[in-house]
Amino acid sequence: MSFFNSLGRSMSRTPRGPKRSPTPTSATFQPDMPPPPVPQSPVNSGPKPLYLCSPFVEAALVKGNFKTIVVLPKYVDIMEWVAVNVFDFYTNLNEFYGVISECCTQQSCPTMSAGPTLNYTWINQDRKSVHLAAPTYIDYVMTWIQNLLDDENVFPTKSGHDFPQSFPATVKHVYRQLLRVFAHIYHAHYPQILHLRSEPHFNSLFAHFLAFGREYELLDIKDVKGAANSPVGAGMLWEKWREMGILEG
């Protein structure tokens, strides 16, 4: 079922990502000169992340395909279903981050990293992309989402109050930011998750988050995987869990 189709096609477009550096083409080189060799991706040069290694990648509380727990229940309004699930994802992720937050400091995480070559930027009040330390970035994200959840005009909780027409676009933005928090924790703090023996809980939460996001078109694959030259580390779990039958394509 399409969450966006339920409200028509009036939603705003996804913001464009940062501009990439121009890539040299064959016209850059002389006809008699061979093009330079393509450098090997730095992602493949290092050891495999722990979260992609067995037995950690298989650790989960839920067995089987997550499709069964994300489908819209009978007689439930799709807006209510999306709202309550987004609230739960935010609450659970916030609790996980709270447990490992003392390991995420300005010194240990000077950027909002989510892969060997990927650092997320924040759009400030001047509409400029700025690099922030991960704890600052995550604090901004969680505070912004909490304010939205507390806003009766965005997440109505009283009978007779309808969801705004902008709700799907707002939720998609929320989802993108929550994905970034997941990605940073997997990339920078998975050892702490393992130390707490919480990998089954965290993996299940992330798999549920991915399955729900794809079911209701809240996640774009390009956000999950990232660009070819700066992939999202945790995005590789998407492919791995698809191969294992946990997620659908």
C-alpha atoms as a PDB file:
ATOM      1  CA  MET A   1       0.000   0.000   0.000  1.00  0.00           C
ATOM      2  CA  SER A   2       1.286   3.463  -0.895  1.00  0.00           C
ATOM      3  CA  PHE A   3       1.172   5.991   1.908  1.00  0.00           C
ATOM      4  CA  PHE A   4       1.680   8.860  -0.518  1.00  0.00           C
ATOM      5  CA  ASN A   5      -0.906   7.651  -3.005  1.00  0.00           C
ATOM      6  CA  SER A   6      -3.463   7.743  -0.214  1.00  0.00           C
ATOM      7  CA  LEU A   7      -3.205  11.553  -0.258  1.00  0.00           C
ATOM      8  CA  GLY A   8      -2.656  12.052  -3.967  1.00  0.00           C
ATOM      9  CA  ARG A   9       0.384  13.589  -5.588  1.00  0.00           C
ATOM     10  CA  SER A  10       0.470  16.915  -3.759  1.00  0.00           C
ATOM     11  CA  MET A  11       3.573  16.150  -1.705  1.00  0.00           C
ATOM     12  CA  SER A  12       6.749  18.150  -1.964  1.00  0.00           C
ATOM     13  CA  ARG A  13       9.805  16.746  -3.667  1.00  0.00           C
ATOM     14  CA  THR A  14      12.677  15.211  -1.762  1.00  0.00           C
ATOM     15  CA  PRO A  15      15.445  17.792  -1.202  1.00  0.00           C
ATOM     16  CA  ARG A  16      18.431  17.329  -3.438  1.00  0.00           C
ATOM     17  CA  GLY A  17      21.658  16.114  -1.920  1.00  0.00           C
ATOM     18  CA  PRO A  18      24.874  18.112  -1.874  1.00  0.00           C
ATOM     19  CA  LYS A  19      26.540  18.782  -5.215  1.00  0.00           C
ATOM     20  CA  ARG A  20      29.179  16.269  -6.201  1.00  0.00           C
ATOM     21  CA  SER A  21      32.555  17.091  -7.600  1.00  0.00           C
ATOM     22  CA  PRO A  22      32.690  16.870 -11.407  1.00  0.00           C
ATOM     23  CA  THR A  23      33.967  13.530 -12.664  1.00  0.00           C
ATOM     24  CA  PRO A  24      36.575  13.564 -15.475  1.00  0.00           C
ATOM     25  CA  THR A  25      35.335  12.081 -18.738  1.00  0.00           C
ATOM     26  CA  SER A  26      37.154  10.607 -21.709  1.00  0.00           C
ATOM     27  CA  ALA A  27      37.216  14.097 -23.255  1.00  0.00           C
ATOM     28  CA  THR A  28      39.586  15.182 -20.507  1.00  0.00           C
ATOM     29  CA  PHE A  29      42.422  13.026 -21.906  1.00  0.00           C
ATOM     30  CA  GLN A  30      44.278  13.108 -25.180  1.00  0.00           C
ATOM     31  CA  PRO A  31      43.077  10.538 -27.781  1.00  0.00           C
ATOM     32  CA  ASP A  32      46.381   8.656 -27.685  1.00  0.00           C
ATOM     33  CA  MET A  33      46.531   8.543 -23.905  1.00  0.00           C
ATOM     34  CA  PRO A  34      44.851   5.726 -21.981  1.00  0.00           C
ATOM     35  CA  PRO A  35      42.540   6.833 -19.185  1.00  0.00           C
ATOM     36  CA  PRO A  36      43.985   6.534 -15.690  1.00  0.00           C
ATOM     37  CA  PRO A  37      43.175   3.381 -13.736  1.00  0.00           C
ATOM     38  CA  VAL A  38      40.064   3.545 -11.604  1.00  0.00           C
ATOM     39  CA  PRO A  39      41.117   3.669  -7.942  1.00  0.00           C
ATOM     40  CA  GLN A  40      39.825   0.890  -5.763  1.00  0.00           C
ATOM     41  CA  SER A  41      36.987   1.855  -3.467  1.00  0.00           C
ATOM     42  CA  PRO A  42      38.267   2.624   0.030  1.00  0.00           C
ATOM     43  CA  VAL A  43      35.206   0.855   1.426  1.00  0.00           C
ATOM     44  CA  ASN A  44      36.548  -2.518   0.285  1.00  0.00           C
ATOM     45  CA  SER A  45      40.090  -1.925   1.531  1.00  0.00           C
ATOM     46  CA  GLY A  46      39.302  -2.191   5.236  1.00  0.00           C
ATOM     47  CA  PRO A  47      37.987  -5.060   7.331  1.00  0.00           C
ATOM     48  CA  LYS A  48      34.336  -5.970   7.108  1.00  0.00           C
ATOM     49  CA  PRO A  49      32.246  -4.106   9.720  1.00  0.00           C
ATOM     50  CA  LEU A  50      31.217  -6.227  12.689  1.00  0.00           C
ATOM     51  CA  TYR A  51      27.525  -5.733  11.976  1.00  0.00           C
ATOM     52  CA  LEU A  52      27.975  -7.528   8.640  1.00  0.00           C
ATOM     53  CA  CYS A  53      29.838 -10.461  10.195  1.00  0.00           C
ATOM     54  CA  SER A  54      28.335 -13.701  11.441  1.00  0.00           C
ATOM     55  CA  PRO A  55      26.832 -14.258  13.964  1.00  0.00           C
ATOM     56  CA  PHE A  56      26.013 -10.579  14.546  1.00  0.00           C
ATOM     57  CA  VAL A  57      24.278  -9.997  11.208  1.00  0.00           C
ATOM     58  CA  GLU A  58      21.868 -12.875  11.955  1.00  0.00           C
ATOM     59  CA  ALA A  59      21.119 -11.738  15.518  1.00  0.00           C
ATOM     60  CA  ALA A  60      17.443 -10.795  15.830  1.00  0.00           C
ATOM     61  CA  LEU A  61      14.450 -11.068  18.116  1.00  0.00           C
ATOM     62  CA  VAL A  62      12.044 -11.603  15.216  1.00  0.00           C
ATOM     63  CA  LYS A  63      12.335 -14.633  12.967  1.00  0.00           C
ATOM     64  CA  GLY A  64      11.001 -14.569   9.437  1.00  0.00           C
ATOM     65  CA  ASN A  65      10.048 -11.717   7.131  1.00  0.00           C
ATOM     66  CA  PHE A  66       9.236  -8.313   8.607  1.00  0.00           C
ATOM     67  CA  LYS A  67       6.571  -7.777   5.966  1.00  0.00           C
ATOM     68  CA  THR A  68       4.060  -9.512   8.229  1.00  0.00           C
ATOM     69  CA  ILE A  69       4.362  -6.928  11.003  1.00  0.00           C
ATOM     70  CA  VAL A  70       4.296  -3.761   8.896  1.00  0.00           C
ATOM     71  CA  VAL A  71       1.117  -4.338   6.875  1.00  0.00           C
ATOM     72  CA  LEU A  72      -1.784  -2.041   7.707  1.00  0.00           C
ATOM     73  CA  PRO A  73      -4.179  -3.763  10.138  1.00  0.00           C
ATOM     74  CA  LYS A  74      -7.853  -3.981   9.277  1.00  0.00           C
ATOM     75  CA  TYR A  75      -9.970  -0.951  10.171  1.00  0.00           C
ATOM     76  CA  VAL A  76      -6.911   1.124  11.105  1.00  0.00           C
ATOM     77  CA  ASP A  77      -6.430   4.540   9.514  1.00  0.00           C
ATOM     78  CA  ILE A  78      -3.170   4.670   7.568  1.00  0.00           C
ATOM     79  CA  MET A  79      -2.265   8.056   9.051  1.00  0.00           C
ATOM     80  CA  GLU A  80      -2.690   6.748  12.594  1.00  0.00           C
ATOM     81  CA  TRP A  81      -0.696   3.626  11.741  1.00  0.00           C
ATOM     82  CA  VAL A  82       2.214   5.608  10.335  1.00  0.00           C
ATOM     83  CA  ALA A  83       2.133   8.129  13.187  1.00  0.00           C
ATOM     84  CA  VAL A  84       2.208   5.545  15.984  1.00  0.00           C
ATOM     85  CA  ASN A  85       5.008   3.575  14.312  1.00  0.00           C
ATOM     86  CA  VAL A  86       7.129   6.681  13.740  1.00  0.00           C
ATOM     87  CA  PHE A  87       6.620   7.566  17.405  1.00  0.00           C
ATOM     88  CA  ASP A  88       7.766   4.075  18.440  1.00  0.00           C
ATOM     89  CA  PHE A  89      10.826   4.136  16.156  1.00  0.00           C
ATOM     90  CA  TYR A  90      11.840   7.529  17.532  1.00  0.00           C
ATOM     91  CA  THR A  91      11.310   6.465  21.152  1.00  0.00           C
ATOM     92  CA  ASN A  92      13.209   3.190  20.854  1.00  0.00           C
ATOM     93  CA  LEU A  93      16.090   4.682  18.880  1.00  0.00           C
ATOM     94  CA  ASN A  94      16.342   7.551  21.353  1.00  0.00           C
ATOM     95  CA  GLU A  95      16.624   5.042  24.204  1.00  0.00           C
ATOM     96  CA  PHE A  96      19.371   3.122  22.416  1.00  0.00           C
ATOM     97  CA  TYR A  97      21.285   6.311  21.757  1.00  0.00           C
ATOM     98  CA  GLY A  98      20.859   7.375  25.378  1.00  0.00           C
ATOM     99  CA  VAL A  99      22.594   4.197  26.511  1.00  0.00           C
ATOM    100  CA  ILE A 100      25.665   4.693  24.304  1.00  0.00           C
ATOM    101  CA  SER A 101      25.681   8.515  24.272  1.00  0.00           C
ATOM    102  CA  GLU A 102      28.583   8.771  26.712  1.00  0.00           C
ATOM    103  CA  CYS A 103      30.713   7.068  24.038  1.00  0.00           C
ATOM    104  CA  CYS A 104      29.562   9.556  21.379  1.00  0.00           C
ATOM    105  CA  THR A 105      31.428  12.748  22.198  1.00  0.00           C
ATOM    106  CA  GLN A 106      32.734  15.817  20.390  1.00  0.00           C
ATOM    107  CA  GLN A 107      36.193  14.225  20.501  1.00  0.00           C
ATOM    108  CA  SER A 108      35.332  10.663  19.482  1.00  0.00           C
ATOM    109  CA  CYS A 109      32.791  11.667  16.819  1.00  0.00           C
ATOM    110  CA  PRO A 110      33.784  15.095  15.417  1.00  0.00           C
ATOM    111  CA  THR A 111      31.547  14.487  12.370  1.00  0.00           C
ATOM    112  CA  MET A 112      28.224  12.752  11.754  1.00  0.00           C
ATOM    113  CA  SER A 113      29.917   9.791  10.108  1.00  0.00           C
ATOM    114  CA  ALA A 114      27.990   6.882   8.626  1.00  0.00           C
ATOM    115  CA  GLY A 115      30.656   5.170   6.550  1.00  0.00           C
ATOM    116  CA  PRO A 116      34.391   5.340   5.788  1.00  0.00           C
ATOM    117  CA  THR A 117      33.829   8.194   3.311  1.00  0.00           C
ATOM    118  CA  LEU A 118      30.430   9.531   4.383  1.00  0.00           C
ATOM    119  CA  ASN A 119      29.742  12.411   6.757  1.00  0.00           C
ATOM    120  CA  TYR A 120      26.269  13.913   6.953  1.00  0.00           C
ATOM    121  CA  THR A 121      25.833  17.688   7.088  1.00  0.00           C
ATOM    122  CA  TRP A 122      23.159  19.782   8.774  1.00  0.00           C
ATOM    123  CA  ILE A 123      21.238  22.555   7.009  1.00  0.00           C
ATOM    124  CA  ASN A 124      21.439  25.630   9.239  1.00  0.00           C
ATOM    125  CA  GLN A 125      19.115  28.632   9.421  1.00  0.00           C
ATOM    126  CA  ASP A 126      20.928  30.242   6.499  1.00  0.00           C
ATOM    127  CA  ARG A 127      20.176  27.137   4.376  1.00  0.00           C
ATOM    128  CA  LYS A 128      23.871  26.258   4.302  1.00  0.00           C
ATOM    129  CA  SER A 129      25.287  22.774   4.838  1.00  0.00           C
ATOM    130  CA  VAL A 130      27.494  22.653   7.913  1.00  0.00           C
ATOM    131  CA  HIS A 131      29.485  19.849   9.489  1.00  0.00           C
ATOM    132  CA  LEU A 132      28.545  19.124  13.084  1.00  0.00           C
ATOM    133  CA  ALA A 133      29.919  16.733  15.652  1.00  0.00           C
ATOM    134  CA  ALA A 134      27.718  13.642  15.860  1.00  0.00           C
ATOM    135  CA  PRO A 135      26.331  14.335  19.374  1.00  0.00           C
ATOM    136  CA  THR A 136      25.350  17.861  18.325  1.00  0.00           C
ATOM    137  CA  TYR A 137      23.760  16.617  15.099  1.00  0.00           C
ATOM    138  CA  ILE A 138      21.812  13.889  16.889  1.00  0.00           C
ATOM    139  CA  ASP A 139      20.674  16.299  19.597  1.00  0.00           C
ATOM    140  CA  TYR A 140      19.328  18.629  16.897  1.00  0.00           C
ATOM    141  CA  VAL A 141      17.531  15.733  15.196  1.00  0.00           C
ATOM    142  CA  MET A 142      15.948  14.335  18.345  1.00  0.00           C
ATOM    143  CA  THR A 143      14.896  17.764  19.619  1.00  0.00           C
ATOM    144  CA  TRP A 144      13.356  18.656  16.255  1.00  0.00           C
ATOM    145  CA  ILE A 145      11.415  15.381  16.099  1.00  0.00           C
ATOM    146  CA  GLN A 146      10.246  15.663  19.717  1.00  0.00           C
ATOM    147  CA  ASN A 147       8.906  19.134  18.981  1.00  0.00           C
ATOM    148  CA  LEU A 148       7.004  17.766  15.977  1.00  0.00           C
ATOM    149  CA  LEU A 149       5.539  14.938  18.050  1.00  0.00           C
ATOM    150  CA  ASP A 150       4.403  17.445  20.653  1.00  0.00           C
ATOM    151  CA  ASP A 151       2.785  19.685  18.027  1.00  0.00           C
ATOM    152  CA  GLU A 152      -0.943  18.923  17.869  1.00  0.00           C
ATOM    153  CA  ASN A 153      -1.067  20.460  14.385  1.00  0.00           C
ATOM    154  CA  VAL A 154       1.443  17.910  13.044  1.00  0.00           C
ATOM    155  CA  PHE A 155       0.717  14.799  15.132  1.00  0.00           C
ATOM    156  CA  PRO A 156      -2.892  15.255  16.257  1.00  0.00           C
ATOM    157  CA  THR A 157      -3.955  13.134  19.215  1.00  0.00           C
ATOM    158  CA  LYS A 158      -7.408  14.540  19.958  1.00  0.00           C
ATOM    159  CA  SER A 159     -10.609  13.223  18.414  1.00  0.00           C
ATOM    160  CA  GLY A 160     -11.824  15.289  15.472  1.00  0.00           C
ATOM    161  CA  HIS A 161      -8.390  16.670  14.604  1.00  0.00           C
ATOM    162  CA  ASP A 162      -7.213  15.624  11.148  1.00  0.00           C
ATOM    163  CA  PHE A 163      -3.653  15.082   9.991  1.00  0.00           C
ATOM    164  CA  PRO A 164      -2.355  17.954   7.824  1.00  0.00           C
ATOM    165  CA  GLN A 165      -1.886  17.500   4.087  1.00  0.00           C
ATOM    166  CA  SER A 166       1.849  17.989   4.641  1.00  0.00           C
ATOM    167  CA  PHE A 167       2.037  15.045   7.062  1.00  0.00           C
ATOM    168  CA  PRO A 168       3.494  12.456   4.609  1.00  0.00           C
ATOM    169  CA  ALA A 169       6.226  14.856   3.496  1.00  0.00           C
ATOM    170  CA  THR A 170       7.034  15.724   7.116  1.00  0.00           C
ATOM    171  CA  VAL A 171       7.186  12.064   8.128  1.00  0.00           C
ATOM    172  CA  LYS A 172       9.465  11.279   5.197  1.00  0.00           C
ATOM    173  CA  HIS A 173      11.872  13.970   6.380  1.00  0.00           C
ATOM    174  CA  VAL A 174      11.703  12.572   9.920  1.00  0.00           C
ATOM    175  CA  TYR A 175      12.414   9.104   8.580  1.00  0.00           C
ATOM    176  CA  ARG A 176      15.467  10.291   6.667  1.00  0.00           C
ATOM    177  CA  GLN A 177      16.936  11.856   9.784  1.00  0.00           C
ATOM    178  CA  LEU A 178      16.238   8.778  11.928  1.00  0.00           C
ATOM    179  CA  LEU A 179      17.991   6.683   9.276  1.00  0.00           C
ATOM    180  CA  ARG A 180      21.068   8.857   9.705  1.00  0.00           C
ATOM    181  CA  VAL A 181      21.098   8.257  13.456  1.00  0.00           C
ATOM    182  CA  PHE A 182      20.822   4.490  12.883  1.00  0.00           C
ATOM    183  CA  ALA A 183      23.643   4.699  10.324  1.00  0.00           C
ATOM    184  CA  HIS A 184      25.958   6.573  12.696  1.00  0.00           C
ATOM    185  CA  ILE A 185      25.380   4.134  15.550  1.00  0.00           C
ATOM    186  CA  TYR A 186      26.098   1.146  13.301  1.00  0.00           C
ATOM    187  CA  HIS A 187      29.210   2.773  11.884  1.00  0.00           C
ATOM    188  CA  ALA A 188      30.720   4.278  15.033  1.00  0.00           C
ATOM    189  CA  HIS A 189      29.180   2.515  18.022  1.00  0.00           C
ATOM    190  CA  TYR A 190      28.322  -1.051  17.132  1.00  0.00           C
ATOM    191  CA  PRO A 191      31.040  -2.385  19.478  1.00  0.00           C
ATOM    192  CA  GLN A 192      29.161  -0.732  22.348  1.00  0.00           C
ATOM    193  CA  ILE A 193      25.924  -2.385  21.166  1.00  0.00           C
ATOM    194  CA  LEU A 194      27.751  -5.731  21.235  1.00  0.00           C
ATOM    195  CA  HIS A 195      29.212  -5.013  24.656  1.00  0.00           C
ATOM    196  CA  LEU A 196      25.671  -4.552  25.955  1.00  0.00           C
ATOM    197  CA  ARG A 197      24.592  -7.742  24.165  1.00  0.00           C
ATOM    198  CA  SER A 198      21.864  -5.717  22.506  1.00  0.00           C
ATOM    199  CA  GLU A 199      22.576  -6.575  18.874  1.00  0.00           C
ATOM    200  CA  PRO A 200      19.405  -8.721  18.485  1.00  0.00           C
ATOM    201  CA  HIS A 201      17.278  -5.842  19.763  1.00  0.00           C
ATOM    202  CA  PHE A 202      19.042  -3.178  17.681  1.00  0.00           C
ATOM    203  CA  ASN A 203      19.086  -5.285  14.505  1.00  0.00           C
ATOM    204  CA  SER A 204      15.387  -6.061  14.864  1.00  0.00           C
ATOM    205  CA  LEU A 205      14.552  -2.409  15.429  1.00  0.00           C
ATOM    206  CA  PHE A 206      16.502  -1.366  12.324  1.00  0.00           C
ATOM    207  CA  ALA A 207      15.059  -4.154  10.154  1.00  0.00           C
ATOM    208  CA  HIS A 208      11.545  -3.188  11.290  1.00  0.00           C
ATOM    209  CA  PHE A 209      12.361   0.452  10.526  1.00  0.00           C
ATOM    210  CA  LEU A 210      13.577  -0.421   7.012  1.00  0.00           C
ATOM    211  CA  ALA A 211      10.634  -2.711   6.249  1.00  0.00           C
ATOM    212  CA  PHE A 212       8.097  -0.142   7.422  1.00  0.00           C
ATOM    213  CA  GLY A 213       9.807   2.670   5.535  1.00  0.00           C
ATOM    214  CA  ARG A 214       9.778   0.764   2.266  1.00  0.00           C
ATOM    215  CA  GLU A 215       6.196  -0.462   2.719  1.00  0.00           C
ATOM    216  CA  TYR A 216       4.865   3.087   3.055  1.00  0.00           C
ATOM    217  CA  GLU A 217       7.364   4.837   0.747  1.00  0.00           C
ATOM    218  CA  LEU A 218       9.029   6.752   3.554  1.00  0.00           C
ATOM    219  CA  LEU A 219      12.528   5.646   2.523  1.00  0.00           C
ATOM    220  CA  ASP A 220      14.310   6.054  -0.780  1.00  0.00           C
ATOM    221  CA  ILE A 221      16.834   3.371  -1.657  1.00  0.00           C
ATOM    222  CA  LYS A 222      19.387   6.086  -2.462  1.00  0.00           C
ATOM    223  CA  ASP A 223      19.131   7.283   1.148  1.00  0.00           C
ATOM    224  CA  VAL A 224      19.562   3.743   2.467  1.00  0.00           C
ATOM    225  CA  LYS A 225      22.542   2.859   0.279  1.00  0.00           C
ATOM    226  CA  GLY A 226      24.130   6.270  -0.307  1.00  0.00           C
ATOM    227  CA  ALA A 227      26.227   7.251  -3.311  1.00  0.00           C
ATOM    228  CA  ALA A 228      28.706   4.915  -5.003  1.00  0.00           C
ATOM    229  CA  ASN A 229      31.687   6.930  -3.742  1.00  0.00           C
ATOM    230  CA  SER A 230      30.246   7.472  -0.239  1.00  0.00           C
ATOM    231  CA  PRO A 231      28.010   4.520   0.672  1.00  0.00           C
ATOM    232  CA  VAL A 232      26.043   4.279   3.890  1.00  0.00           C
ATOM    233  CA  GLY A 233      27.739   1.567   5.938  1.00  0.00           C
ATOM    234  CA  ALA A 234      24.507   0.271   7.475  1.00  0.00           C
ATOM    235  CA  GLY A 235      22.921   0.328   4.031  1.00  0.00           C
ATOM    236  CA  MET A 236      24.768  -2.898   3.282  1.00  0.00           C
ATOM    237  CA  LEU A 237      22.498  -4.574   5.823  1.00  0.00           C
ATOM    238  CA  TRP A 238      19.608  -3.921   3.449  1.00  0.00           C
ATOM    239  CA  GLU A 239      21.112  -6.205   0.805  1.00  0.00           C
ATOM    240  CA  LYS A 240      22.296  -8.754   3.345  1.00  0.00           C
ATOM    241  CA  TRP A 241      18.899  -9.030   5.031  1.00  0.00           C
ATOM    242  CA  ARG A 242      17.172  -9.268   1.645  1.00  0.00           C
ATOM    243  CA  GLU A 243      19.384 -12.233   0.799  1.00  0.00           C
ATOM    244  CA  MET A 244      18.451 -13.806   4.154  1.00  0.00           C
ATOM    245  CA  GLY A 245      14.732 -13.304   3.500  1.00  0.00           C
ATOM    246  CA  ILE A 246      14.282 -10.861   6.388  1.00  0.00           C
ATOM    247  CA  LEU A 247      13.404  -7.969   4.085  1.00  0.00           C
ATOM    248  CA  GLU A 248      11.681  -7.838   0.730  1.00  0.00           C
ATOM    249  CA  GLY A 249      13.061  -6.143  -2.356  1.00  0.00           C
END
